[in-house]
Amino acid sequence: MPVFEVYSREGCHLCEILIEELLALLHGRAELHVHDIDSRADWRQEYDLRVPVVELDGTVLCEYSLDRARVLKALSGLADRG
C-alpha cells in the first residue's frame, strides 16, 4: 500500500485540518505517516515555515493546505501502476 508522508508540527491548526481531510481521501487506498518536524533538526530546517507538507515517493504534492485534485491524481496514478 502506498504511503503518503505529512510533515507537521504539534499545535499547528493548519496541520490538523490537512491531516483530517487527507485521511478521508486516503481511506483504504493508502497509508498516512505523520512526522513531527520538531523531532529532528533536518526536518525542522527543511520544513519549518512550510508545514504542513504532503509528499508521496519524495515528491511534494502540497504545502499549507490540501490540494485535493493533486492527491486524487496521485492516487489515480498509483492505481494505474498497480
N, C-alpha and C. Protein backbone atom coordinates (compact mmCIF):
# COMPACT_ATOMS: atom_id res chain seq x y z
N MET A 1 0.86 -1.18 0.00
CA MET A 1 0.00 0.00 0.00
C MET A 1 0.90 1.24 0.00
N PRO A 2 0.60 2.22 -0.86
CA PRO A 2 1.41 3.44 -0.90
C PRO A 2 1.35 4.20 0.42
N VAL A 3 2.39 4.98 0.66
CA VAL A 3 2.49 5.74 1.90
C VAL A 3 2.64 7.23 1.57
N PHE A 4 1.68 8.01 2.04
CA PHE A 4 1.78 9.46 1.96
C PHE A 4 2.42 9.95 3.25
N GLU A 5 3.35 10.88 3.13
CA GLU A 5 4.07 11.44 4.27
C GLU A 5 3.57 12.86 4.51
N VAL A 6 3.25 13.17 5.76
CA VAL A 6 2.88 14.54 6.12
C VAL A 6 3.90 15.04 7.13
N TYR A 7 4.49 16.17 6.84
CA TYR A 7 5.41 16.83 7.77
C TYR A 7 4.64 17.95 8.43
N SER A 8 4.55 17.88 9.76
CA SER A 8 3.73 18.83 10.51
C SER A 8 4.42 19.16 11.82
N ARG A 9 3.72 19.91 12.64
CA ARG A 9 4.23 20.17 13.99
C ARG A 9 3.07 20.20 14.96
N GLU A 10 3.37 19.85 16.18
CA GLU A 10 2.36 19.81 17.23
C GLU A 10 1.78 21.21 17.44
N GLY A 11 0.46 21.27 17.57
CA GLY A 11 -0.20 22.55 17.83
C GLY A 11 -0.48 23.36 16.58
N CYS A 12 -0.19 22.81 15.41
CA CYS A 12 -0.41 23.51 14.14
C CYS A 12 -1.84 23.24 13.67
N HIS A 13 -2.67 24.27 13.70
CA HIS A 13 -4.07 24.13 13.32
C HIS A 13 -4.21 23.75 11.84
N LEU A 14 -3.41 24.36 10.97
CA LEU A 14 -3.45 24.01 9.55
C LEU A 14 -3.09 22.53 9.34
N CYS A 15 -2.13 22.05 10.12
CA CYS A 15 -1.72 20.65 10.03
C CYS A 15 -2.86 19.73 10.41
N GLU A 16 -3.53 20.05 11.49
CA GLU A 16 -4.64 19.21 11.97
C GLU A 16 -5.75 19.13 10.92
N ILE A 17 -6.08 20.25 10.31
CA ILE A 17 -7.13 20.28 9.28
C ILE A 17 -6.70 19.45 8.07
N LEU A 18 -5.48 19.66 7.59
CA LEU A 18 -5.00 18.93 6.43
C LEU A 18 -4.99 17.43 6.69
N ILE A 19 -4.51 17.00 7.84
CA ILE A 19 -4.44 15.57 8.16
C ILE A 19 -5.83 14.96 8.18
N GLU A 20 -6.78 15.64 8.78
CA GLU A 20 -8.15 15.13 8.83
C GLU A 20 -8.74 14.97 7.43
N GLU A 21 -8.55 15.98 6.58
CA GLU A 21 -9.06 15.93 5.21
C GLU A 21 -8.35 14.86 4.40
N LEU A 22 -7.04 14.73 4.58
CA LEU A 22 -6.26 13.75 3.84
C LEU A 22 -6.62 12.33 4.23
N LEU A 23 -6.83 12.09 5.51
CA LEU A 23 -7.24 10.76 5.95
C LEU A 23 -8.52 10.31 5.26
N ALA A 24 -9.46 11.22 5.10
CA ALA A 24 -10.72 10.89 4.44
C ALA A 24 -10.48 10.51 2.97
N LEU A 25 -9.57 11.20 2.29
CA LEU A 25 -9.27 10.89 0.89
C LEU A 25 -8.54 9.57 0.73
N LEU A 26 -7.66 9.26 1.67
CA LEU A 26 -6.81 8.08 1.54
C LEU A 26 -7.45 6.81 2.07
N HIS A 27 -8.53 6.93 2.80
CA HIS A 27 -9.14 5.80 3.49
C HIS A 27 -9.20 4.53 2.62
N GLY A 28 -8.45 3.51 3.05
CA GLY A 28 -8.44 2.23 2.37
C GLY A 28 -7.61 2.18 1.10
N ARG A 29 -7.03 3.32 0.69
CA ARG A 29 -6.27 3.35 -0.57
C ARG A 29 -4.79 3.60 -0.36
N ALA A 30 -4.43 4.13 0.81
CA ALA A 30 -3.03 4.43 1.09
C ALA A 30 -2.86 4.63 2.59
N GLU A 31 -1.63 4.51 3.02
CA GLU A 31 -1.30 4.77 4.43
C GLU A 31 -0.88 6.23 4.57
N LEU A 32 -0.97 6.72 5.79
CA LEU A 32 -0.54 8.07 6.10
C LEU A 32 0.43 8.02 7.26
N HIS A 33 1.62 8.55 7.04
CA HIS A 33 2.61 8.68 8.11
C HIS A 33 2.78 10.16 8.40
N VAL A 34 2.60 10.52 9.66
CA VAL A 34 2.72 11.92 10.08
C VAL A 34 4.02 12.07 10.85
N HIS A 35 4.81 13.06 10.47
CA HIS A 35 6.11 13.30 11.10
C HIS A 35 6.11 14.68 11.75
N ASP A 36 6.49 14.72 13.02
CA ASP A 36 6.64 15.99 13.74
C ASP A 36 8.00 16.57 13.39
N ILE A 37 8.02 17.67 12.66
CA ILE A 37 9.29 18.22 12.20
C ILE A 37 10.18 18.69 13.34
N ASP A 38 9.58 18.95 14.50
CA ASP A 38 10.39 19.41 15.63
C ASP A 38 11.12 18.26 16.32
N SER A 39 10.90 17.02 15.86
CA SER A 39 11.58 15.87 16.46
C SER A 39 12.95 15.62 15.83
N ARG A 40 13.22 16.28 14.71
CA ARG A 40 14.52 16.11 14.03
C ARG A 40 14.98 17.45 13.47
N ALA A 41 16.23 17.76 13.68
CA ALA A 41 16.77 19.04 13.22
C ALA A 41 16.71 19.18 11.69
N ASP A 42 16.97 18.10 10.96
CA ASP A 42 16.94 18.18 9.49
C ASP A 42 15.53 18.44 8.98
N TRP A 43 14.53 17.82 9.59
CA TRP A 43 13.15 18.11 9.18
C TRP A 43 12.76 19.53 9.51
N ARG A 44 13.16 19.99 10.70
CA ARG A 44 12.82 21.37 11.10
C ARG A 44 13.45 22.36 10.12
N GLN A 45 14.69 22.11 9.73
CA GLN A 45 15.36 23.01 8.79
C GLN A 45 14.68 22.98 7.42
N GLU A 46 14.30 21.80 6.96
CA GLU A 46 13.69 21.64 5.63
C GLU A 46 12.27 22.21 5.55
N TYR A 47 11.46 21.97 6.60
CA TYR A 47 10.02 22.24 6.51
C TYR A 47 9.51 23.33 7.44
N ASP A 48 10.36 23.98 8.19
CA ASP A 48 9.96 24.87 9.28
C ASP A 48 8.77 25.77 8.98
N LEU A 49 8.85 26.61 7.99
CA LEU A 49 7.78 27.57 7.70
C LEU A 49 6.82 27.07 6.62
N ARG A 50 7.01 25.84 6.16
CA ARG A 50 6.20 25.31 5.06
C ARG A 50 5.10 24.36 5.53
N VAL A 51 5.05 23.98 6.78
CA VAL A 51 4.11 22.96 7.24
C VAL A 51 2.67 23.43 7.14
N PRO A 52 1.78 22.49 6.90
CA PRO A 52 2.02 21.09 6.62
C PRO A 52 2.46 20.86 5.17
N VAL A 53 3.25 19.80 4.99
CA VAL A 53 3.74 19.41 3.67
C VAL A 53 3.34 17.96 3.45
N VAL A 54 2.77 17.66 2.28
CA VAL A 54 2.39 16.29 1.92
C VAL A 54 3.31 15.83 0.81
N GLU A 55 3.90 14.64 1.00
CA GLU A 55 4.78 14.06 -0.01
C GLU A 55 4.34 12.63 -0.32
N LEU A 56 4.62 12.22 -1.54
CA LEU A 56 4.45 10.84 -1.97
C LEU A 56 5.68 10.47 -2.77
N ASP A 57 6.37 9.44 -2.35
CA ASP A 57 7.60 8.99 -3.03
C ASP A 57 8.60 10.12 -3.21
N GLY A 58 8.71 11.00 -2.20
CA GLY A 58 9.67 12.09 -2.24
C GLY A 58 9.24 13.31 -3.04
N THR A 59 8.05 13.27 -3.62
CA THR A 59 7.54 14.40 -4.39
C THR A 59 6.53 15.18 -3.55
N VAL A 60 6.74 16.48 -3.44
CA VAL A 60 5.81 17.33 -2.69
C VAL A 60 4.53 17.49 -3.50
N LEU A 61 3.42 17.13 -2.88
CA LEU A 61 2.11 17.28 -3.53
C LEU A 61 1.42 18.57 -3.12
N CYS A 62 1.63 19.00 -1.88
CA CYS A 62 1.02 20.25 -1.44
C CYS A 62 1.68 20.73 -0.16
N GLU A 63 1.54 22.04 0.06
CA GLU A 63 2.03 22.71 1.26
C GLU A 63 0.93 23.63 1.78
N TYR A 64 0.89 23.82 3.07
CA TYR A 64 -0.03 24.74 3.75
C TYR A 64 -1.48 24.27 3.80
N SER A 65 -2.01 23.82 2.67
CA SER A 65 -3.38 23.32 2.63
C SER A 65 -3.44 22.15 1.66
N LEU A 66 -4.48 21.35 1.78
CA LEU A 66 -4.62 20.16 0.97
C LEU A 66 -5.02 20.51 -0.46
N ASP A 67 -4.26 20.00 -1.40
CA ASP A 67 -4.60 20.12 -2.81
C ASP A 67 -5.28 18.81 -3.20
N ARG A 68 -6.59 18.76 -3.02
CA ARG A 68 -7.36 17.53 -3.25
C ARG A 68 -7.15 16.98 -4.65
N ALA A 69 -7.17 17.86 -5.64
CA ALA A 69 -7.03 17.42 -7.03
C ALA A 69 -5.68 16.73 -7.24
N ARG A 70 -4.64 17.29 -6.69
CA ARG A 70 -3.30 16.70 -6.87
C ARG A 70 -3.19 15.36 -6.14
N VAL A 71 -3.77 15.26 -4.95
CA VAL A 71 -3.73 14.00 -4.20
C VAL A 71 -4.55 12.94 -4.95
N LEU A 72 -5.72 13.30 -5.43
CA LEU A 72 -6.54 12.35 -6.17
C LEU A 72 -5.85 11.90 -7.47
N LYS A 73 -5.17 12.83 -8.12
CA LYS A 73 -4.42 12.48 -9.33
C LYS A 73 -3.29 11.50 -8.98
N ALA A 74 -2.61 11.74 -7.88
CA ALA A 74 -1.54 10.83 -7.44
C ALA A 74 -2.10 9.45 -7.12
N LEU A 75 -3.25 9.41 -6.46
CA LEU A 75 -3.89 8.13 -6.15
C LEU A 75 -4.30 7.41 -7.43
N SER A 76 -4.81 8.13 -8.39
CA SER A 76 -5.21 7.55 -9.67
C SER A 76 -3.98 6.98 -10.39
N GLY A 77 -2.90 7.71 -10.35
CA GLY A 77 -1.66 7.24 -10.97
C GLY A 77 -1.14 5.97 -10.32
N LEU A 78 -1.30 5.88 -8.99
CA LEU A 78 -0.89 4.68 -8.27
C LEU A 78 -1.74 3.48 -8.69
N ALA A 79 -3.04 3.73 -8.85
CA ALA A 79 -3.95 2.65 -9.26
C ALA A 79 -3.60 2.17 -10.67
N ASP A 80 -3.21 3.10 -11.54
CA ASP A 80 -2.84 2.76 -12.90
C ASP A 80 -1.57 1.90 -12.93
N ARG A 81 -0.64 2.16 -12.01
CA ARG A 81 0.62 1.40 -11.94
C ARG A 81 0.39 0.02 -11.36
N GLY A 82 -0.57 -0.08 -10.40
CA GLY A 82 -0.76 -1.33 -9.67
C GLY A 82 -1.71 -2.22 -10.36
